[in-house]
N, C-alpha and C. Protein backbone atom coordinates (compact mmCIF):
# COMPACT_ATOMS: atom_id res chain seq x y z
N MET A 1 327.52 163.10 181.15
CA MET A 1 326.78 161.85 181.18
C MET A 1 325.50 161.93 180.49
N LEU A 2 324.90 161.54 179.71
CA LEU A 2 323.54 161.85 178.69
C LEU A 2 322.36 161.35 178.92
N GLY A 3 321.64 162.12 179.33
CA GLY A 3 320.48 161.92 179.62
C GLY A 3 319.25 161.72 178.73
N LEU A 4 318.15 160.81 178.70
CA LEU A 4 317.20 160.02 178.24
C LEU A 4 316.03 161.50 177.84
N HIS A 5 316.10 162.11 176.73
CA HIS A 5 315.54 162.77 175.49
C HIS A 5 314.39 162.28 174.73
N THR A 6 313.66 161.97 175.51
CA THR A 6 312.52 161.24 175.00
C THR A 6 310.98 161.76 175.89
N ASN A 7 309.79 161.46 175.67
CA ASN A 7 308.44 161.77 176.45
C ASN A 7 307.76 160.42 176.55
N VAL A 8 307.95 159.74 177.61
CA VAL A 8 307.41 159.14 178.48
C VAL A 8 305.98 159.31 179.28
N LEU A 9 305.67 158.76 178.28
CA LEU A 9 303.88 159.19 178.96
C LEU A 9 303.34 157.88 179.67
N ASP A 10 302.47 158.31 180.50
CA ASP A 10 301.99 157.30 181.33
C ASP A 10 300.79 157.86 182.44
N PHE A 11 299.52 157.13 182.33
CA PHE A 11 298.68 157.58 183.30
C PHE A 11 298.21 156.92 183.95
N GLU A 12 297.34 157.13 184.54
CA GLU A 12 296.36 156.38 185.72
C GLU A 12 295.27 156.68 186.51
N ILE A 13 293.68 156.15 186.62
CA ILE A 13 292.44 156.57 186.60
C ILE A 13 292.72 155.57 188.08
N ILE A 14 292.22 156.97 188.76
CA ILE A 14 291.74 156.59 190.38
C ILE A 14 289.98 156.75 190.46
N GLU A 15 289.83 155.75 191.11
CA GLU A 15 288.74 155.24 191.96
C GLU A 15 287.90 156.44 193.13
N THR A 16 286.87 156.65 192.77
CA THR A 16 286.96 157.78 193.60
C THR A 16 285.64 157.36 194.57
N GLY A 17 284.61 155.93 193.89
CA GLY A 17 282.76 156.29 194.00
C GLY A 17 282.35 156.94 193.59
N ASN A 18 282.41 157.86 192.96
CA ASN A 18 281.33 159.39 192.60
C ASN A 18 281.10 158.67 191.10
N PRO A 19 280.48 158.17 190.31
CA PRO A 19 279.74 157.26 188.77
C PRO A 19 279.32 158.61 188.51
N LYS A 20 279.54 159.85 188.41
CA LYS A 20 279.81 160.76 187.41
C LYS A 20 280.84 161.69 187.18
N THR A 21 281.88 160.71 187.69
CA THR A 21 283.30 161.46 187.21
C THR A 21 284.40 160.09 186.81
N LEU A 22 284.92 160.72 186.13
CA LEU A 22 286.24 160.13 185.60
C LEU A 22 288.54 160.46 186.46
N VAL A 23 288.64 159.98 187.69
CA VAL A 23 288.98 161.27 187.68
C VAL A 23 290.21 160.60 186.81
N PHE A 24 291.38 161.79 185.98
CA PHE A 24 292.85 161.05 185.41
C PHE A 24 293.65 161.74 185.81
N VAL A 25 294.79 161.14 185.30
CA VAL A 25 296.31 161.61 186.50
C VAL A 25 296.65 161.24 185.67
N ASP A 26 297.79 162.49 185.13
CA ASP A 26 298.81 162.65 184.18
C ASP A 26 300.68 162.01 185.26
N ALA A 27 300.98 161.25 184.61
CA ALA A 27 302.00 160.20 185.53
C ALA A 27 303.35 160.70 184.77
N SER A 28 303.24 161.18 183.60
CA SER A 28 304.34 161.23 182.83
C SER A 28 305.66 161.26 182.78
N THR A 29 306.72 161.55 181.78
CA THR A 29 307.78 162.20 182.20
C THR A 29 307.88 163.12 180.73
N TYR A 30 308.63 163.83 180.65
CA TYR A 30 308.21 165.22 179.79
C TYR A 30 309.44 165.72 179.13
N ILE A 31 310.06 166.08 178.10
CA ILE A 31 310.89 166.57 177.68
C ILE A 31 310.78 168.09 177.91
N ALA A 32 309.41 168.93 178.02
CA ALA A 32 308.87 169.65 177.88
C ALA A 32 307.17 169.34 178.26
N GLU A 33 306.60 170.56 178.99
CA GLU A 33 305.78 170.81 178.61
C GLU A 33 304.91 170.64 177.85
N PRO A 34 303.79 169.51 177.66
CA PRO A 34 303.59 169.88 176.00
C PRO A 34 302.81 171.17 175.73
N ASP A 35 301.78 171.22 174.44
CA ASP A 35 301.06 171.95 174.59
C ASP A 35 300.21 171.52 174.57
N ARG A 36 299.21 170.86 173.55
CA ARG A 36 297.58 170.02 173.97
C ARG A 36 297.14 169.41 174.10
N PRO A 37 297.92 168.36 175.71
CA PRO A 37 297.33 167.05 175.31
C PRO A 37 296.64 166.34 174.71
N LEU A 38 296.11 165.61 174.86
CA LEU A 38 294.36 165.23 174.65
C LEU A 38 294.51 163.40 174.89
N LEU A 39 293.42 163.41 175.51
CA LEU A 39 292.86 162.29 175.63
C LEU A 39 291.81 161.58 174.47
N GLU A 40 292.01 160.36 174.50
CA GLU A 40 290.67 160.11 173.38
C GLU A 40 289.78 159.02 173.73
N VAL A 41 288.90 159.18 174.86
CA VAL A 41 288.41 158.33 175.25
C VAL A 41 287.09 157.18 174.35
N ILE A 42 287.03 155.96 175.00
CA ILE A 42 285.49 155.34 174.28
C ILE A 42 284.87 154.21 175.53
N MET A 43 284.15 154.30 175.78
CA MET A 43 283.37 153.62 176.65
C MET A 43 282.53 153.34 175.97
N PRO A 44 281.79 152.03 177.64
CA PRO A 44 281.01 151.24 177.49
C PRO A 44 279.94 151.42 176.63
N GLY A 45 278.87 150.99 175.20
CA GLY A 45 278.32 151.07 175.21
C GLY A 45 277.90 152.33 173.80
N PHE A 46 279.49 153.00 173.75
CA PHE A 46 279.36 153.72 172.49
C PHE A 46 280.90 153.10 171.66
N SER A 47 279.92 153.73 170.08
CA SER A 47 280.73 152.95 169.18
C SER A 47 282.15 154.05 168.81
N LYS A 48 281.73 155.28 169.26
CA LYS A 48 282.77 156.43 168.97
C LYS A 48 283.83 157.11 170.30
N TYR A 49 284.79 157.68 169.98
CA TYR A 49 285.69 158.30 170.76
C TYR A 49 284.80 159.65 170.85
N PHE A 50 284.77 159.76 172.28
CA PHE A 50 284.84 161.27 172.66
C PHE A 50 286.60 162.20 173.08
N LEU A 51 286.73 163.58 172.15
CA LEU A 51 288.12 163.26 172.21
C LEU A 51 288.16 164.73 173.83
N VAL A 52 288.88 164.88 174.48
CA VAL A 52 288.35 166.27 175.89
C VAL A 52 289.88 166.29 176.42
N ASN A 53 290.26 167.50 176.72
CA ASN A 53 291.76 168.20 177.15
C ASN A 53 292.11 167.74 177.49
N VAL A 54 293.53 167.53 178.23
CA VAL A 54 293.98 166.99 179.24
C VAL A 54 295.27 168.21 179.57
N ALA A 55 295.12 168.17 180.80
CA ALA A 55 296.18 169.45 181.81
C ALA A 55 297.39 168.33 182.50
N ALA A 56 298.43 168.89 181.48
CA ALA A 56 299.88 167.78 181.72
C ALA A 56 300.05 167.78 183.45
N ASN A 57 300.69 167.01 183.96
CA ASN A 57 301.45 166.86 185.36
C ASN A 57 300.76 167.19 186.20
N GLN A 58 298.85 166.98 186.13
CA GLN A 58 298.48 167.22 186.57
C GLN A 58 296.69 165.94 186.92
N VAL A 59 296.26 165.96 188.12
CA VAL A 59 294.57 165.74 188.24
C VAL A 59 293.91 165.89 187.57
N ASN A 60 292.98 164.90 186.26
CA ASN A 60 292.09 165.97 185.67
C ASN A 60 290.76 165.06 185.71
N THR A 61 289.82 166.12 185.88
CA THR A 61 288.41 165.22 186.76
C THR A 61 287.72 165.45 185.31
N PHE A 62 287.17 164.05 184.60
CA PHE A 62 286.09 164.90 183.12
C PHE A 62 284.93 163.71 184.10
N ASN A 63 283.70 164.13 183.21
CA ASN A 63 282.32 164.34 183.61
C ASN A 63 281.28 163.57 182.26
N SER A 64 280.06 163.21 182.81
CA SER A 64 279.56 163.36 181.19
C SER A 64 279.34 164.86 180.22
N SER A 65 279.17 166.07 181.34
CA SER A 65 279.91 167.44 180.41
C SER A 65 280.81 167.72 179.20
N THR A 66 281.94 167.28 180.24
CA THR A 66 283.27 167.60 179.74
C THR A 66 283.55 166.48 178.52
N LEU A 67 282.78 165.27 178.82
CA LEU A 67 283.18 164.43 178.12
C LEU A 67 282.41 164.70 176.09
N GLY A 68 281.68 164.95 176.62
CA GLY A 68 280.88 165.85 175.12
C GLY A 68 279.13 164.33 175.25
N ILE A 69 279.11 164.17 176.55
CA ILE A 69 277.83 162.38 176.39
C ILE A 69 276.67 163.95 176.23
N ASN A 70 276.31 164.73 177.61
CA ASN A 70 275.19 165.02 177.47
C ASN A 70 275.58 166.41 178.21
N ARG A 71 276.01 167.70 178.21
CA ARG A 71 276.06 169.28 177.59
C ARG A 71 275.38 169.67 179.33
N VAL A 72 275.54 169.85 179.91
CA VAL A 72 274.76 170.35 180.96
C VAL A 72 275.87 170.93 182.15
N LEU A 73 275.32 172.49 182.45
CA LEU A 73 275.95 173.57 183.24
C LEU A 73 275.26 173.07 184.35
N LEU A 74 274.47 171.96 184.81
CA LEU A 74 274.29 172.28 186.24
C LEU A 74 274.68 170.94 186.88
N GLN A 75 275.23 170.41 188.22
CA GLN A 75 275.59 168.92 188.57
C GLN A 75 274.70 168.31 188.35
N GLU A 76 274.02 168.68 189.20
CA GLU A 76 272.77 167.55 189.01
C GLU A 76 272.20 166.42 187.54
N LEU A 77 271.95 167.96 187.21
CA LEU A 77 272.43 167.03 185.53
C LEU A 77 273.18 165.42 184.74
N LEU A 78 273.71 165.30 185.48
CA LEU A 78 274.67 165.18 184.60
C LEU A 78 274.99 163.90 184.85
N THR A 79 274.91 162.93 184.28
CA THR A 79 274.58 161.32 183.88
C THR A 79 276.29 160.47 183.91
N ASP A 80 275.55 159.49 185.49
CA ASP A 80 276.83 158.91 185.03
C ASP A 80 277.11 157.79 184.40
N LEU A 81 279.00 158.07 184.47
CA LEU A 81 279.91 157.17 183.13
C LEU A 81 279.40 155.50 183.55
N PRO A 82 279.66 154.63 183.35
CA PRO A 82 278.95 153.76 183.10
C PRO A 82 280.72 153.29 182.70
N ASP A 83 280.12 151.66 183.72
CA ASP A 83 281.12 151.13 184.78
C ASP A 83 281.73 150.08 183.03
N GLY A 84 282.40 148.95 182.76
CA GLY A 84 282.88 148.50 182.23
C GLY A 84 283.59 149.10 181.19
N VAL A 85 284.05 147.66 179.75
CA VAL A 85 285.39 148.42 180.05
C VAL A 85 285.96 149.72 179.24
N TRP A 86 286.30 150.64 179.32
CA TRP A 86 287.32 151.35 178.92
C TRP A 86 288.38 151.66 177.22
N THR A 87 288.98 152.36 176.78
CA THR A 87 289.91 152.41 176.21
C THR A 87 290.05 154.22 176.32
N LEU A 88 291.78 154.33 176.67
CA LEU A 88 292.01 155.21 176.26
C LEU A 88 292.87 155.87 176.58
N LYS A 89 293.50 156.74 175.37
CA LYS A 89 294.44 156.86 174.65
C LYS A 89 294.89 158.50 175.11
N TYR A 90 296.19 158.91 175.86
CA TYR A 90 296.44 159.56 175.78
C TYR A 90 297.55 160.13 174.88
N LYS A 91 297.58 161.00 174.33
CA LYS A 91 298.26 161.61 173.34
C LYS A 91 299.19 162.94 173.26
N ILE A 92 300.99 163.27 173.02
CA ILE A 92 300.97 164.47 173.13
C ILE A 92 301.63 164.92 171.29
N CYS A 93 301.21 166.30 170.84
CA CYS A 93 301.38 166.61 169.05
C CYS A 93 303.24 166.36 169.15
N PRO A 94 303.61 165.44 168.56
CA PRO A 94 302.57 165.03 166.70
C PRO A 94 301.81 163.86 168.10
N TYR A 95 300.25 163.87 167.07
CA TYR A 95 299.87 162.67 167.77
C TYR A 95 299.57 161.81 167.84
N LYS A 96 299.97 161.51 166.60
CA LYS A 96 299.32 159.85 165.46
C LYS A 96 301.24 159.12 166.02
N PHE A 97 302.33 160.16 167.08
CA PHE A 97 303.31 159.52 166.99
C PHE A 97 303.46 158.96 168.49
N VAL A 98 303.45 159.90 169.10
CA VAL A 98 303.92 160.17 171.01
C VAL A 98 302.59 160.31 171.45
N PHE A 99 301.74 158.72 171.69
CA PHE A 99 300.46 158.29 172.92
C PHE A 99 300.29 156.58 173.92
N GLN A 100 299.89 157.14 175.14
CA GLN A 100 299.66 155.41 175.27
C GLN A 100 298.85 155.48 174.66
N VAL A 101 297.97 154.48 175.16
CA VAL A 101 296.89 153.83 174.77
C VAL A 101 297.09 152.40 176.38
N LYS A 102 295.62 152.47 176.86
CA LYS A 102 295.59 152.18 177.87
C LYS A 102 294.12 151.43 177.84
N LYS A 103 293.29 150.32 178.66
CA LYS A 103 292.42 149.49 178.61
C LYS A 103 292.45 149.28 180.65
N ILE A 104 290.81 150.05 180.87
CA ILE A 104 290.47 149.64 182.57
C ILE A 104 288.97 149.74 181.81
N MET A 105 289.38 148.75 183.34
CA MET A 105 288.10 148.25 183.63
C MET A 105 287.56 149.03 185.14
N ARG A 106 286.44 149.71 184.22
CA ARG A 106 285.50 151.01 185.53
C ARG A 106 284.50 150.59 185.89
N ILE A 107 284.41 150.04 187.55
CA ILE A 107 284.04 148.88 188.52
C ILE A 107 283.29 150.43 189.35
N THR A 108 282.84 151.80 189.03
CA THR A 108 282.38 152.59 189.97
C THR A 108 281.28 152.37 190.73
N LYS A 109 280.15 151.63 189.96
CA LYS A 109 278.98 151.58 190.00
C LYS A 109 278.78 149.83 191.01
N LEU A 110 279.67 148.50 190.47
CA LEU A 110 278.97 147.84 190.42
C LEU A 110 280.82 148.02 192.67
N LEU A 111 280.91 148.68 192.80
CA LEU A 111 282.07 149.10 193.89
C LEU A 111 280.50 149.81 194.89
N ASN A 112 279.99 150.64 194.01
CA ASN A 112 278.91 151.37 195.31
C ASN A 112 278.15 150.15 196.22
N LYS A 113 277.19 149.41 194.64
CA LYS A 113 276.51 147.96 194.53
C LYS A 113 277.43 147.39 196.12
N LEU A 114 278.77 146.98 195.74
CA LEU A 114 279.38 146.08 197.16
C LEU A 114 278.88 146.74 198.64
N LYS A 115 279.27 148.38 198.04
CA LYS A 115 279.06 148.46 199.42
C LYS A 115 277.79 148.27 200.23
N LEU A 116 277.08 148.61 199.28
CA LEU A 116 275.30 148.86 200.05
C LEU A 116 275.30 147.33 200.39
N LEU A 117 275.83 146.60 200.33
CA LEU A 117 275.21 145.23 200.53
C LEU A 117 275.92 145.07 201.84
N TYR A 118 277.86 145.66 201.97
CA TYR A 118 278.22 145.46 203.55
C TYR A 118 277.55 146.61 204.23
N GLN A 119 277.10 146.83 203.66
CA GLN A 119 275.50 147.64 204.84
C GLN A 119 275.18 146.66 205.14
N HIS A 120 274.08 145.82 205.23
CA HIS A 120 273.18 145.14 205.20
C HIS A 120 274.05 143.87 206.12
N ILE A 121 275.05 144.26 205.83
CA ILE A 121 275.55 142.33 206.28
C ILE A 121 275.38 142.42 207.81
N ASP A 122 275.77 142.10 209.22
CA ASP A 122 276.15 142.10 209.89
C ASP A 122 277.55 141.12 210.22
N LEU A 123 279.07 141.27 210.31
CA LEU A 123 280.28 140.80 209.48
C LEU A 123 280.78 139.97 211.32
N SER A 124 279.40 140.90 212.13
CA SER A 124 279.93 140.14 213.40
C SER A 124 279.67 138.93 213.90
N GLU A 125 278.29 138.20 212.79
CA GLU A 125 277.49 136.67 213.50
C GLU A 125 277.92 136.44 212.45
N CYS A 126 278.78 135.63 212.74
CA CYS A 126 279.15 134.72 211.03
C CYS A 126 279.29 133.32 211.47
N ALA A 127 278.31 132.19 211.47
CA ALA A 127 277.86 130.98 212.47
C ALA A 127 277.35 130.26 211.25
N GLY A 128 276.11 130.14 210.70
CA GLY A 128 275.96 129.47 210.83
C GLY A 128 276.35 128.90 208.74
N LYS A 129 275.47 128.52 208.49
CA LYS A 129 275.30 127.18 207.00
C LYS A 129 274.87 128.40 205.97
N GLU A 130 274.34 129.48 207.09
CA GLU A 130 274.05 130.29 205.03
C GLU A 130 275.30 131.35 205.32
N ASP A 131 275.63 131.55 206.60
CA ASP A 131 276.19 132.79 207.39
C ASP A 131 277.95 132.40 206.13
N PHE A 132 278.11 131.22 205.83
CA PHE A 132 279.21 130.61 205.33
C PHE A 132 279.02 130.61 203.76
N GLU A 133 277.73 130.00 203.36
CA GLU A 133 277.59 131.09 202.07
C GLU A 133 277.60 132.06 201.77
N GLN A 134 277.91 132.82 202.54
CA GLN A 134 277.51 134.47 201.39
C GLN A 134 279.10 134.95 202.08
N GLU A 135 279.57 134.40 203.12
CA GLU A 135 281.17 134.28 202.58
C GLU A 135 281.90 133.71 201.80
N ARG A 136 281.38 133.60 201.41
CA ARG A 136 282.01 132.13 200.38
C ARG A 136 281.47 133.10 199.45
N ASN A 137 281.01 133.51 198.82
CA ASN A 137 279.74 134.09 197.38
C ASN A 137 280.51 136.04 197.46
N LEU A 138 280.94 136.76 199.33
CA LEU A 138 281.64 137.43 198.92
C LEU A 138 283.55 137.87 199.12
N VAL A 139 283.77 136.39 199.34
CA VAL A 139 285.15 136.23 198.48
C VAL A 139 284.85 135.68 196.84
N ARG A 140 284.22 135.04 196.21
CA ARG A 140 283.87 135.47 195.27
C ARG A 140 283.88 136.51 194.44
N ILE A 141 283.03 137.79 195.05
CA ILE A 141 283.06 138.49 194.29
C ILE A 141 284.00 139.29 194.17
N HIS A 142 284.92 139.70 195.38
CA HIS A 142 285.94 140.23 195.10
C HIS A 142 286.98 139.55 193.54
N ILE A 143 287.50 138.15 194.06
CA ILE A 143 288.30 137.60 192.86
C ILE A 143 287.34 137.54 191.12
N LEU A 144 286.15 137.78 191.15
CA LEU A 144 285.80 138.29 189.51
C LEU A 144 285.96 139.34 189.71
N ILE A 145 286.25 140.70 191.02
CA ILE A 145 286.42 142.34 190.32
C ILE A 145 287.97 142.46 189.99
N GLU A 146 288.55 142.09 191.66
CA GLU A 146 290.05 141.96 191.07
C GLU A 146 290.47 141.38 189.33
N GLY A 147 290.26 139.90 189.35
CA GLY A 147 289.63 139.71 187.69
C GLY A 147 289.70 139.75 186.97
N ALA A 148 288.29 140.86 186.55
CA ALA A 148 288.11 141.65 185.44
C ALA A 148 289.73 142.41 185.01
N LYS A 149 289.41 143.58 186.78
CA LYS A 149 290.49 144.49 186.06
C LYS A 149 292.16 144.29 185.97
N ALA A 150 292.45 142.61 186.15
CA ALA A 150 293.42 141.63 186.06
C ALA A 150 293.69 141.89 183.89
N GLU A 151 292.43 141.09 184.30
CA GLU A 151 292.84 140.85 182.87
C GLU A 151 292.27 141.29 181.66
N VAL A 152 291.93 142.80 181.59
CA VAL A 152 291.18 143.84 180.93
C VAL A 152 292.08 143.74 179.48
N GLU A 153 293.63 144.77 180.08
CA GLU A 153 294.11 144.97 179.20
C GLU A 153 294.38 143.35 177.94
N LYS A 154 294.42 141.74 177.77
CA LYS A 154 294.75 140.88 177.85
C LYS A 154 293.53 140.45 177.28
N ASN A 155 292.73 140.09 177.69
CA ASN A 155 290.93 139.69 177.15
C ASN A 155 289.76 140.41 177.67
N SER A 156 289.46 141.40 177.37
CA SER A 156 288.71 142.12 177.78
C SER A 156 287.19 142.07 178.42
N LYS A 157 286.53 141.31 177.37
CA LYS A 157 285.89 140.17 176.85
C LYS A 157 285.58 138.84 178.27
N LEU A 158 286.92 138.60 178.76
CA LEU A 158 286.73 137.63 180.10
C LEU A 158 286.77 138.95 180.89
N ALA A 159 287.03 140.18 181.29
CA ALA A 159 286.34 140.73 181.95
C ALA A 159 285.45 141.82 182.34
N GLN A 160 284.44 141.63 181.36
CA GLN A 160 283.42 141.81 181.34
C GLN A 160 282.19 140.68 181.74
N GLU A 161 283.21 139.58 181.72
CA GLU A 161 282.13 138.67 182.04
C GLU A 161 281.95 138.15 183.69
N TYR A 162 283.62 138.68 184.11
CA TYR A 162 284.48 138.26 185.26
C TYR A 162 282.86 140.24 185.75
N TYR A 163 283.94 140.62 185.33
CA TYR A 163 281.75 141.81 185.68
C TYR A 163 280.58 141.82 185.72
N GLN A 164 280.55 141.31 185.08
CA GLN A 164 278.93 140.01 185.01
C GLN A 164 278.49 138.97 186.30
N LEU A 165 279.17 138.73 186.34
CA LEU A 165 278.93 136.85 188.05
C LEU A 165 278.96 137.93 188.75
N ALA A 166 280.63 139.15 188.69
CA ALA A 166 281.01 139.44 190.40
C ALA A 166 279.03 140.25 190.33
N ASN A 167 278.60 140.66 188.96
CA ASN A 167 277.29 141.57 189.39
C ASN A 167 275.88 141.24 189.74
N ARG A 168 276.04 139.39 188.66
CA ARG A 168 275.19 139.37 189.54
C ARG A 168 275.13 138.37 191.01
N LEU A 169 275.95 138.00 191.12
CA LEU A 169 276.76 137.60 192.76
C LEU A 169 275.80 138.16 193.53
N ILE A 170 276.52 140.07 193.80
CA ILE A 170 276.34 141.00 194.04
C ILE A 170 274.54 141.15 193.82
N GLN A 171 273.65 140.60 193.50
CA GLN A 171 272.94 141.00 193.23
C GLN A 171 272.00 140.27 194.09
N LYS A 172 272.18 138.73 193.95
CA LYS A 172 272.12 137.68 194.60
C LYS A 172 271.52 137.26 195.75
N GLU A 173 272.54 138.33 196.04
CA GLU A 173 273.25 138.61 197.99
C GLU A 173 272.24 140.31 198.39
N LEU A 174 271.94 140.99 197.90
CA LEU A 174 271.09 142.32 198.31
C LEU A 174 270.09 141.53 198.05
N ASP A 175 269.36 140.82 197.48
CA ASP A 175 267.82 140.34 196.68
C ASP A 175 267.39 139.61 198.35
N LYS A 176 268.43 139.47 198.97
CA LYS A 176 268.06 138.53 200.91
C LYS A 176 267.68 139.91 201.52
N PHE A 177 267.74 140.77 201.03
CA PHE A 177 267.77 142.22 202.53
C PHE A 177 267.08 142.83 201.60
N CYS A 178 266.85 143.17 200.61
CA CYS A 178 265.25 143.54 200.36
C CYS A 178 265.44 143.74 198.87
N LYS A 179 264.10 144.02 197.88
CA LYS A 179 263.92 144.11 196.60
C LYS A 179 264.36 145.31 195.73
N ASN A 180 264.50 146.53 196.49
CA ASN A 180 264.69 147.54 195.63
C ASN A 180 266.10 148.39 195.21
N CYS A 181 266.73 147.36 196.05
CA CYS A 181 269.05 147.52 196.31
C CYS A 181 268.79 147.03 194.86
N LYS A 182 269.32 148.43 194.62
CA LYS A 182 270.13 148.12 192.88
C LYS A 182 271.81 149.38 192.96
């Protein structure tokens, strides 16, 4: 029986809730362990790509320093990675021919704001007209977030619009509880 003799590149980005890190999981199948896998990263707000080394068949965690945004030695000096549409190109030698490109919608900061909103809401006492509006807004927020994640590969502009709508709705709801909730 003949086996498939080709590299099949694949990866996932895992949401952790930490705005300072990006967790990259190599889910590839290799003929042989690749020598120097690379990841090209284009982040929202940047026109150039950042190039980082990847450990094959492992979980890789990147931050603003390892990505090359700000070279620091102390963790408290790391900057938050931006939310929005990220383009990731994972490649192995020969780099021009063996690669996998994915667009992802990073929503870490947005989910952290949503978490803050839920911490201000008493979900056990929903009965009034205002509560129904809040419940409707929460459902809309979740639909917009899932829509942004689903749409990012096909239409990243629309995905970003969904993200912005969700962000505005979360902020509108947060403003009901505190003026400094960001």
